[in-house]
Full PDB file with SEQRES, HELIX, SHEET, SSBOND, CRYST1, ORIGX, SCALE, CONECT and MASTER records, all heavy atoms in Angstrom:
SEQRES   1 A   36  SER MET SER GLU ILE PHE GLU PRO ILE THR ILE ASN GLU          
SEQRES   2 A   36  LYS SER VAL SER ILE LYS SER ARG SER SER LEU LEU ILE          
SEQRES   3 A   36  ILE SER LYS GLU VAL PHE GLY ALA LYS ASN                      
CRYST1    1.000    1.000    1.000  90.00  90.00  90.00 P 1           1          
ORIGX1      1.000000  0.000000  0.000000        0.00000                         
ORIGX2      0.000000  1.000000  0.000000        0.00000                         
ORIGX3      0.000000  0.000000  1.000000        0.00000                         
SCALE1      1.000000  0.000000  0.000000        0.00000                         
SCALE2      0.000000  1.000000  0.000000        0.00000                         
SCALE3      0.000000  0.000000  1.000000        0.00000                         
ATOM      1  N   SER A   1     215.284  10.629  29.781  1.00  0.00           N  
ATOM      2  CA  SER A   1     216.812  10.870  29.343  1.00  0.00           C  
ATOM      3  C   SER A   1     217.673  11.179  30.587  1.00  0.00           C  
ATOM      4  O   SER A   1     218.946  11.107  30.522  1.00  0.00           O  
ATOM      5  CB  SER A   1     216.987  11.810  28.313  1.00  0.00           C  
ATOM      6  OG  SER A   1     216.723  13.123  28.796  1.00  0.00           O  
ATOM      7  N   MET A   2     217.015  11.577  31.694  1.00  0.00           N  
ATOM      8  CA  MET A   2     217.704  11.947  32.950  1.00  0.00           C  
ATOM      9  C   MET A   2     217.690  10.776  33.939  1.00  0.00           C  
ATOM     10  O   MET A   2     216.727  10.172  34.032  1.00  0.00           O  
ATOM     11  CB  MET A   2     217.041  13.185  33.555  1.00  0.00           C  
ATOM     12  CG  MET A   2     217.013  14.368  32.580  1.00  0.00           C  
ATOM     13  SD  MET A   2     216.106  15.882  33.346  1.00  0.00           S  
ATOM     14  CE  MET A   2     217.220  16.341  34.565  1.00  0.00           C  
ATOM     15  N   SER A   3     218.808  10.586  34.509  1.00  0.00           N  
ATOM     16  CA  SER A   3     219.093   9.431  35.399  1.00  0.00           C  
ATOM     17  C   SER A   3     218.250   9.540  36.707  1.00  0.00           C  
ATOM     18  O   SER A   3     217.891   8.618  37.287  1.00  0.00           O  
ATOM     19  CB  SER A   3     220.500   9.262  35.664  1.00  0.00           C  
ATOM     20  OG  SER A   3     221.106  10.404  36.352  1.00  0.00           O  
ATOM     21  N   GLU A   4     218.058  10.701  37.226  1.00  0.00           N  
ATOM     22  CA  GLU A   4     217.482  10.962  38.440  1.00  0.00           C  
ATOM     23  C   GLU A   4     216.000  11.657  38.293  1.00  0.00           C  
ATOM     24  O   GLU A   4     215.754  12.356  37.334  1.00  0.00           O  
ATOM     25  CB  GLU A   4     218.324  11.833  39.354  1.00  0.00           C  
ATOM     26  CG  GLU A   4     219.573  11.159  39.807  1.00  0.00           C  
ATOM     27  CD  GLU A   4     219.481  10.050  40.638  1.00  0.00           C  
ATOM     28  OE1 GLU A   4     218.373   9.906  41.394  1.00  0.00           O  
ATOM     29  OE2 GLU A   4     220.401   9.104  40.670  1.00  0.00           O  
ATOM     30  N   ILE A   5     215.121  11.405  39.347  1.00  0.00           N  
ATOM     31  CA  ILE A   5     213.890  12.043  39.454  1.00  0.00           C  
ATOM     32  C   ILE A   5     214.213  13.550  39.973  1.00  0.00           C  
ATOM     33  O   ILE A   5     215.087  13.649  40.737  1.00  0.00           O  
ATOM     34  CB  ILE A   5     212.968  11.350  40.472  1.00  0.00           C  
ATOM     35  CG1 ILE A   5     212.646   9.957  39.869  1.00  0.00           C  
ATOM     36  CG2 ILE A   5     211.718  12.165  40.772  1.00  0.00           C  
ATOM     37  CD1 ILE A   5     211.852   9.121  40.818  1.00  0.00           C  
ATOM     38  N   PHE A   6     213.450  14.469  39.308  1.00  0.00           N  
ATOM     39  CA  PHE A   6     213.851  15.834  39.638  1.00  0.00           C  
ATOM     40  C   PHE A   6     212.492  16.518  40.153  1.00  0.00           C  
ATOM     41  O   PHE A   6     211.437  16.043  39.933  1.00  0.00           O  
ATOM     42  CB  PHE A   6     214.355  16.525  38.472  1.00  0.00           C  
ATOM     43  CG  PHE A   6     213.578  16.300  37.221  1.00  0.00           C  
ATOM     44  CD1 PHE A   6     212.487  17.059  36.862  1.00  0.00           C  
ATOM     45  CD2 PHE A   6     213.938  15.334  36.277  1.00  0.00           C  
ATOM     46  CE1 PHE A   6     211.785  16.910  35.734  1.00  0.00           C  
ATOM     47  CE2 PHE A   6     213.209  15.071  35.213  1.00  0.00           C  
ATOM     48  CZ  PHE A   6     212.100  15.918  34.899  1.00  0.00           C  
ATOM     49  N   GLU A   7     212.717  17.647  40.673  1.00  0.00           N  
ATOM     50  CA  GLU A   7     211.572  18.507  41.064  1.00  0.00           C  
ATOM     51  C   GLU A   7     211.043  19.104  39.724  1.00  0.00           C  
ATOM     52  O   GLU A   7     211.714  19.361  38.760  1.00  0.00           O  
ATOM     53  CB  GLU A   7     212.101  19.725  41.958  1.00  0.00           C  
ATOM     54  CG  GLU A   7     212.433  19.327  43.361  1.00  0.00           C  
ATOM     55  CD  GLU A   7     211.301  18.724  44.108  1.00  0.00           C  
ATOM     56  OE1 GLU A   7     210.178  19.279  44.059  1.00  0.00           O  
ATOM     57  OE2 GLU A   7     211.488  17.741  44.812  1.00  0.00           O  
ATOM     58  N   PRO A   8     209.666  19.257  39.742  1.00  0.00           N  
ATOM     59  CA  PRO A   8     209.083  19.728  38.486  1.00  0.00           C  
ATOM     60  C   PRO A   8     209.724  21.043  38.006  1.00  0.00           C  
ATOM     61  O   PRO A   8     209.927  21.947  38.793  1.00  0.00           O  
ATOM     62  CB  PRO A   8     207.581  20.033  38.968  1.00  0.00           C  
ATOM     63  CG  PRO A   8     207.387  19.050  40.052  1.00  0.00           C  
ATOM     64  CD  PRO A   8     208.678  18.905  40.734  1.00  0.00           C  
ATOM     65  N   ILE A   9     209.974  21.112  36.656  1.00  0.00           N  
ATOM     66  CA  ILE A   9     210.664  22.218  36.132  1.00  0.00           C  
ATOM     67  C   ILE A   9     209.722  23.033  35.271  1.00  0.00           C  
ATOM     68  O   ILE A   9     209.067  22.434  34.371  1.00  0.00           O  
ATOM     69  CB  ILE A   9     211.883  21.658  35.225  1.00  0.00           C  
ATOM     70  CG1 ILE A   9     212.796  20.969  36.095  1.00  0.00           C  
ATOM     71  CG2 ILE A   9     212.591  22.945  34.507  1.00  0.00           C  
ATOM     72  CD1 ILE A   9     213.906  20.178  35.307  1.00  0.00           C  
ATOM     73  N   THR A  10     209.649  24.337  35.492  1.00  0.00           N  
ATOM     74  CA  THR A  10     208.783  25.261  34.687  1.00  0.00           C  
ATOM     75  C   THR A  10     209.237  25.325  33.240  1.00  0.00           C  
ATOM     76  O   THR A  10     210.484  25.528  33.128  1.00  0.00           O  
ATOM     77  CB  THR A  10     208.592  26.543  35.297  1.00  0.00           C  
ATOM     78  OG1 THR A  10     208.075  26.445  36.616  1.00  0.00           O  
ATOM     79  CG2 THR A  10     207.684  27.485  34.526  1.00  0.00           C  
ATOM     80  N   ILE A  11     208.387  25.180  32.296  1.00  0.00           N  
ATOM     81  CA  ILE A  11     208.770  25.392  30.828  1.00  0.00           C  
ATOM     82  C   ILE A  11     208.143  26.670  30.329  1.00  0.00           C  
ATOM     83  O   ILE A  11     206.899  26.785  30.269  1.00  0.00           O  
ATOM     84  CB  ILE A  11     208.319  24.221  30.061  1.00  0.00           C  
ATOM     85  CG1 ILE A  11     208.876  22.831  30.634  1.00  0.00           C  
ATOM     86  CG2 ILE A  11     208.583  24.380  28.611  1.00  0.00           C  
ATOM     87  CD1 ILE A  11     208.441  21.607  29.927  1.00  0.00           C  
ATOM     88  N   ASN A  12     209.023  27.640  30.025  1.00  0.00           N  
ATOM     89  CA  ASN A  12     208.523  28.919  29.552  1.00  0.00           C  
ATOM     90  C   ASN A  12     208.526  28.886  28.003  1.00  0.00           C  
ATOM     91  O   ASN A  12     207.901  29.852  27.385  1.00  0.00           O  
ATOM     92  CB  ASN A  12     209.396  30.068  30.051  1.00  0.00           C  
ATOM     93  CG  ASN A  12     209.296  30.189  31.587  1.00  0.00           C  
ATOM     94  OD1 ASN A  12     208.212  30.144  32.084  1.00  0.00           O  
ATOM     95  ND2 ASN A  12     210.389  30.356  32.294  1.00  0.00           N  
ATOM     96  N   GLU A  13     209.224  28.060  27.391  1.00  0.00           N  
ATOM     97  CA  GLU A  13     209.335  27.971  25.943  1.00  0.00           C  
ATOM     98  C   GLU A  13     208.080  27.345  25.393  1.00  0.00           C  
ATOM     99  O   GLU A  13     207.322  26.769  26.003  1.00  0.00           O  
ATOM    100  CB  GLU A  13     210.437  27.064  25.493  1.00  0.00           C  
ATOM    101  CG  GLU A  13     211.903  27.648  25.912  1.00  0.00           C  
ATOM    102  CD  GLU A  13     212.255  27.366  27.288  1.00  0.00           C  
ATOM    103  OE1 GLU A  13     211.487  26.575  27.952  1.00  0.00           O  
ATOM    104  OE2 GLU A  13     213.201  27.978  27.879  1.00  0.00           O  
ATOM    105  N   LYS A  14     207.891  27.582  24.059  1.00  0.00           N  
ATOM    106  CA  LYS A  14     206.729  27.084  23.326  1.00  0.00           C  
ATOM    107  C   LYS A  14     206.967  25.784  22.807  1.00  0.00           C  
ATOM    108  O   LYS A  14     206.058  25.097  22.214  1.00  0.00           O  
ATOM    109  CB  LYS A  14     206.272  28.065  22.228  1.00  0.00           C  
ATOM    110  CG  LYS A  14     205.874  29.440  22.726  1.00  0.00           C  
ATOM    111  CD  LYS A  14     205.517  30.303  21.592  1.00  0.00           C  
ATOM    112  CE  LYS A  14     204.947  31.708  22.087  1.00  0.00           C  
ATOM    113  NZ  LYS A  14     204.600  32.528  20.966  1.00  0.00           N  
ATOM    114  N   SER A  15     208.205  25.229  22.930  1.00  0.00           N  
ATOM    115  CA  SER A  15     208.535  23.836  22.424  1.00  0.00           C  
ATOM    116  C   SER A  15     209.528  23.176  23.335  1.00  0.00           C  
ATOM    117  O   SER A  15     210.161  23.840  24.183  1.00  0.00           O  
ATOM    118  CB  SER A  15     209.038  23.886  21.005  1.00  0.00           C  
ATOM    119  OG  SER A  15     210.278  24.614  21.012  1.00  0.00           O  
ATOM    120  N   VAL A  16     209.609  21.813  23.181  1.00  0.00           N  
ATOM    121  CA  VAL A  16     210.588  21.119  23.908  1.00  0.00           C  
ATOM    122  C   VAL A  16     211.320  20.202  22.969  1.00  0.00           C  
ATOM    123  O   VAL A  16     210.805  19.777  21.954  1.00  0.00           O  
ATOM    124  CB  VAL A  16     209.924  20.337  25.097  1.00  0.00           C  
ATOM    125  CG1 VAL A  16     209.352  21.205  26.156  1.00  0.00           C  
ATOM    126  CG2 VAL A  16     208.706  19.349  24.501  1.00  0.00           C  
ATOM    127  N   SER A  17     212.486  19.885  23.393  1.00  0.00           N  
ATOM    128  CA  SER A  17     213.360  18.775  22.661  1.00  0.00           C  
ATOM    129  C   SER A  17     213.361  17.535  23.381  1.00  0.00           C  
ATOM    130  O   SER A  17     213.604  17.529  24.644  1.00  0.00           O  
ATOM    131  CB  SER A  17     214.723  19.338  22.479  1.00  0.00           C  
ATOM    132  OG  SER A  17     215.554  18.416  21.778  1.00  0.00           O  
ATOM    133  N   ILE A  18     213.022  16.451  22.759  1.00  0.00           N  
ATOM    134  CA  ILE A  18     213.000  15.064  23.312  1.00  0.00           C  
ATOM    135  C   ILE A  18     214.235  14.397  22.772  1.00  0.00           C  
ATOM    136  O   ILE A  18     214.377  14.195  21.553  1.00  0.00           O  
ATOM    137  CB  ILE A  18     211.742  14.337  23.103  1.00  0.00           C  
ATOM    138  CG1 ILE A  18     210.506  15.119  23.558  1.00  0.00           C  
ATOM    139  CG2 ILE A  18     211.796  12.985  23.810  1.00  0.00           C  
ATOM    140  CD1 ILE A  18     209.213  14.380  23.395  1.00  0.00           C  
ATOM    141  N   LYS A  19     215.108  13.941  23.643  1.00  0.00           N  
ATOM    142  CA  LYS A  19     216.306  13.233  23.178  1.00  0.00           C  
ATOM    143  C   LYS A  19     215.940  11.885  22.637  1.00  0.00           C  
ATOM    144  O   LYS A  19     214.842  11.343  22.802  1.00  0.00           O  
ATOM    145  CB  LYS A  19     217.237  13.038  24.446  1.00  0.00           C  
ATOM    146  CG  LYS A  19     217.843  14.385  24.898  1.00  0.00           C  
ATOM    147  CD  LYS A  19     218.927  14.152  25.941  1.00  0.00           C  
ATOM    148  CE  LYS A  19     219.560  15.546  26.385  1.00  0.00           C  
ATOM    149  NZ  LYS A  19     220.526  15.303  27.516  1.00  0.00           N  
ATOM    150  N   SER A  20     216.912  11.339  21.931  1.00  0.00           N  
ATOM    151  CA  SER A  20     216.729  10.013  21.312  1.00  0.00           C  
ATOM    152  C   SER A  20     216.337   9.028  22.321  1.00  0.00           C  
ATOM    153  O   SER A  20     216.758   8.948  23.386  1.00  0.00           O  
ATOM    154  CB  SER A  20     218.101   9.657  20.677  1.00  0.00           C  
ATOM    155  OG  SER A  20     218.063   8.257  20.300  1.00  0.00           O  
ATOM    156  N   ARG A  21     215.257   8.227  21.830  1.00  0.00           N  
ATOM    157  CA  ARG A  21     214.689   7.120  22.622  1.00  0.00           C  
ATOM    158  C   ARG A  21     214.443   7.463  24.050  1.00  0.00           C  
ATOM    159  O   ARG A  21     214.956   6.971  25.001  1.00  0.00           O  
ATOM    160  CB  ARG A  21     215.576   5.924  22.598  1.00  0.00           C  
ATOM    161  CG  ARG A  21     215.876   5.435  21.041  1.00  0.00           C  
ATOM    162  CD  ARG A  21     216.559   4.093  20.976  1.00  0.00           C  
ATOM    163  NE  ARG A  21     216.524   3.682  19.610  1.00  0.00           N  
ATOM    164  CZ  ARG A  21     217.530   3.867  18.815  1.00  0.00           C  
ATOM    165  NH1 ARG A  21     218.598   4.462  19.172  1.00  0.00           N  
ATOM    166  NH2 ARG A  21     217.402   3.531  17.523  1.00  0.00           N  
ATOM    167  N   SER A  22     213.603   8.515  24.129  1.00  0.00           N  
ATOM    168  CA  SER A  22     213.353   9.125  25.567  1.00  0.00           C  
ATOM    169  C   SER A  22     211.817   9.538  25.444  1.00  0.00           C  
ATOM    170  O   SER A  22     211.244   9.694  24.515  1.00  0.00           O  
ATOM    171  CB  SER A  22     214.141  10.335  25.771  1.00  0.00           C  
ATOM    172  OG  SER A  22     215.549   9.933  25.959  1.00  0.00           O  
ATOM    173  N   SER A  23     211.364   9.865  26.672  1.00  0.00           N  
ATOM    174  CA  SER A  23     209.865  10.252  26.909  1.00  0.00           C  
ATOM    175  C   SER A  23     209.861  11.520  27.763  1.00  0.00           C  
ATOM    176  O   SER A  23     210.751  11.587  28.655  1.00  0.00           O  
ATOM    177  CB  SER A  23     209.059   9.178  27.466  1.00  0.00           C  
ATOM    178  OG  SER A  23     209.094   7.924  26.715  1.00  0.00           O  
ATOM    179  N   LEU A  24     208.912  12.330  27.413  1.00  0.00           N  
ATOM    180  CA  LEU A  24     208.712  13.478  28.364  1.00  0.00           C  
ATOM    181  C   LEU A  24     207.228  13.361  28.918  1.00  0.00           C  
ATOM    182  O   LEU A  24     206.264  13.133  28.162  1.00  0.00           O  
ATOM    183  CB  LEU A  24     208.819  14.866  27.704  1.00  0.00           C  
ATOM    184  CG  LEU A  24     210.193  15.169  27.380  1.00  0.00           C  
ATOM    185  CD1 LEU A  24     210.209  16.714  26.908  1.00  0.00           C  
ATOM    186  CD2 LEU A  24     211.128  15.255  28.625  1.00  0.00           C  
ATOM    187  N   LEU A  25     206.975  13.708  30.138  1.00  0.00           N  
ATOM    188  CA  LEU A  25     205.698  13.875  30.697  1.00  0.00           C  
ATOM    189  C   LEU A  25     205.663  15.264  31.286  1.00  0.00           C  
ATOM    190  O   LEU A  25     206.464  15.688  32.198  1.00  0.00           O  
ATOM    191  CB  LEU A  25     205.338  12.854  31.831  1.00  0.00           C  
ATOM    192  CG  LEU A  25     204.075  13.238  32.639  1.00  0.00           C  
ATOM    193  CD1 LEU A  25     202.825  13.182  31.767  1.00  0.00           C  
ATOM    194  CD2 LEU A  25     203.828  12.089  33.798  1.00  0.00           C  
ATOM    195  N   ILE A  26     204.730  16.074  30.746  1.00  0.00           N  
ATOM    196  CA  ILE A  26     204.580  17.523  31.079  1.00  0.00           C  
ATOM    197  C   ILE A  26     203.187  17.756  31.681  1.00  0.00           C  
ATOM    198  O   ILE A  26     202.251  17.362  31.099  1.00  0.00           O  
ATOM    199  CB  ILE A  26     204.913  18.461  29.923  1.00  0.00           C  
ATOM    200  CG1 ILE A  26     206.352  18.207  29.507  1.00  0.00           C  
ATOM    201  CG2 ILE A  26     204.669  19.903  30.259  1.00  0.00           C  
ATOM    202  CD1 ILE A  26     206.724  18.947  28.258  1.00  0.00           C  
ATOM    203  N   ILE A  27     203.122  18.421  32.790  1.00  0.00           N  
ATOM    204  CA  ILE A  27     201.730  18.650  33.486  1.00  0.00           C  
ATOM    205  C   ILE A  27     201.494  20.087  33.690  1.00  0.00           C  
ATOM    206  O   ILE A  27     202.342  20.808  34.026  1.00  0.00           O  
ATOM    207  CB  ILE A  27     201.745  17.908  34.770  1.00  0.00           C  
ATOM    208  CG1 ILE A  27     201.935  16.360  34.590  1.00  0.00           C  
ATOM    209  CG2 ILE A  27     200.393  18.050  35.557  1.00  0.00           C  
ATOM    210  CD1 ILE A  27     202.110  15.573  35.844  1.00  0.00           C  
ATOM    211  N   SER A  28     200.142  20.419  33.317  1.00  0.00           N  
ATOM    212  CA  SER A  28     199.791  21.851  33.660  1.00  0.00           C  
ATOM    213  C   SER A  28     199.885  22.033  35.164  1.00  0.00           C  
ATOM    214  O   SER A  28     199.455  21.237  36.005  1.00  0.00           O  
ATOM    215  CB  SER A  28     198.353  22.000  33.156  1.00  0.00           C  
ATOM    216  OG  SER A  28     197.841  23.233  33.543  1.00  0.00           O  
ATOM    217  N   LYS A  29     200.205  23.267  35.489  1.00  0.00           N  
ATOM    218  CA  LYS A  29     200.287  23.590  36.867  1.00  0.00           C  
ATOM    219  C   LYS A  29     198.885  23.623  37.630  1.00  0.00           C  
ATOM    220  O   LYS A  29     198.752  23.540  38.723  1.00  0.00           O  
ATOM    221  CB  LYS A  29     200.908  25.103  37.037  1.00  0.00           C  
ATOM    222  CG  LYS A  29     201.326  25.405  38.375  1.00  0.00           C  
ATOM    223  CD  LYS A  29     202.143  26.857  38.367  1.00  0.00           C  
ATOM    224  CE  LYS A  29     202.692  27.030  39.852  1.00  0.00           C  
ATOM    225  NZ  LYS A  29     203.408  28.326  39.860  1.00  0.00           N  
ATOM    226  N   GLU A  30     197.834  23.624  36.692  1.00  0.00           N  
ATOM    227  CA  GLU A  30     196.463  23.500  37.237  1.00  0.00           C  
ATOM    228  C   GLU A  30     196.225  22.271  37.946  1.00  0.00           C  
ATOM    229  O   GLU A  30     195.581  22.279  38.969  1.00  0.00           O  
ATOM    230  CB  GLU A  30     195.467  23.680  36.102  1.00  0.00           C  
ATOM    231  CG  GLU A  30     193.951  23.506  36.428  1.00  0.00           C  
ATOM    232  CD  GLU A  30     193.056  23.476  35.278  1.00  0.00           C  
ATOM    233  OE1 GLU A  30     193.575  23.805  34.103  1.00  0.00           O  
ATOM    234  OE2 GLU A  30     191.937  23.311  35.445  1.00  0.00           O  
ATOM    235  N   VAL A  31     196.882  21.144  37.460  1.00  0.00           N  
ATOM    236  CA  VAL A  31     196.764  19.908  38.112  1.00  0.00           C  
ATOM    237  C   VAL A  31     197.437  19.890  39.462  1.00  0.00           C  
ATOM    238  O   VAL A  31     196.900  19.164  40.368  1.00  0.00           O  
ATOM    239  CB  VAL A  31     197.447  18.832  37.281  1.00  0.00           C  
ATOM    240  CG1 VAL A  31     197.383  17.499  37.762  1.00  0.00           C  
ATOM    241  CG2 VAL A  31     196.665  18.779  35.952  1.00  0.00           C  
ATOM    242  N   PHE A  32     198.412  20.659  39.788  1.00  0.00           N  
ATOM    243  CA  PHE A  32     199.163  20.639  41.013  1.00  0.00           C  
ATOM    244  C   PHE A  32     198.260  21.272  42.150  1.00  0.00           C  
ATOM    245  O   PHE A  32     198.495  20.993  43.264  1.00  0.00           O  
ATOM    246  CB  PHE A  32     200.487  21.463  40.870  1.00  0.00           C  
ATOM    247  CG  PHE A  32     201.540  20.741  40.269  1.00  0.00           C  
ATOM    248  CD1 PHE A  32     201.485  20.340  38.909  1.00  0.00           C  
ATOM    249  CD2 PHE A  32     202.617  20.288  40.943  1.00  0.00           C  
ATOM    250  CE1 PHE A  32     202.451  19.573  38.303  1.00  0.00           C  
ATOM    251  CE2 PHE A  32     203.688  19.594  40.320  1.00  0.00           C  
ATOM    252  CZ  PHE A  32     203.520  19.286  39.104  1.00  0.00           C  
ATOM    253  N   GLY A  33     197.305  22.101  41.807  1.00  0.00           N  
ATOM    254  CA  GLY A  33     196.417  22.691  42.784  1.00  0.00           C  
ATOM    255  C   GLY A  33     197.007  23.874  43.498  1.00  0.00           C  
ATOM    256  O   GLY A  33     198.132  24.316  43.194  1.00  0.00           O  
ATOM    257  N   ALA A  34     196.190  24.327  44.403  1.00  0.00           N  
ATOM    258  CA  ALA A  34     196.579  25.596  45.160  1.00  0.00           C  
ATOM    259  C   ALA A  34     197.914  25.412  45.975  1.00  0.00           C  
ATOM    260  O   ALA A  34     198.665  26.326  46.053  1.00  0.00           O  
ATOM    261  CB  ALA A  34     195.418  26.025  46.079  1.00  0.00           C  
ATOM    262  N   LYS A  35     198.156  24.212  46.439  1.00  0.00           N  
ATOM    263  CA  LYS A  35     199.395  23.964  47.279  1.00  0.00           C  
ATOM    264  C   LYS A  35     200.589  23.860  46.383  1.00  0.00           C  
ATOM    265  O   LYS A  35     201.752  23.640  46.903  1.00  0.00           O  
ATOM    266  CB  LYS A  35     199.140  22.700  48.127  1.00  0.00           C  
ATOM    267  CG  LYS A  35     198.024  22.869  49.216  1.00  0.00           C  
ATOM    268  CD  LYS A  35     197.947  21.692  50.075  1.00  0.00           C  
ATOM    269  CE  LYS A  35     196.972  21.893  51.201  1.00  0.00           C  
ATOM    270  NZ  LYS A  35     196.788  20.622  52.046  1.00  0.00           N  
ATOM    271  N   ASN A  36     200.380  23.888  45.034  1.00  0.00           N  
ATOM    272  CA  ASN A  36     201.505  23.784  44.094  1.00  0.00           C  
ATOM    273  C   ASN A  36     202.317  22.414  44.476  1.00  0.00           C  
ATOM    274  O   ASN A  36     203.567  22.482  44.370  1.00  0.00           O  
ATOM    275  CB  ASN A  36     202.474  25.003  44.193  1.00  0.00           C  
ATOM    276  CG  ASN A  36     203.352  25.155  42.979  1.00  0.00           C  
ATOM    277  OD1 ASN A  36     202.955  24.703  41.890  1.00  0.00           O  
ATOM    278  ND2 ASN A  36     204.502  25.744  43.160  1.00  0.00           N  
TER     279      ASN A  36                                                      
MASTER        0    0    0    0    0    0    0    6  278    1    0    3          
END                                                                             
């Protein structure tokens, strides 16, 4: 739903809202590794 690519955003909430006709990809910080 966002026009630009953004830096990964930390999600502290227990839920997320997905806008109409949109997709979210959320990744565990574990995947980013030690270098974050």
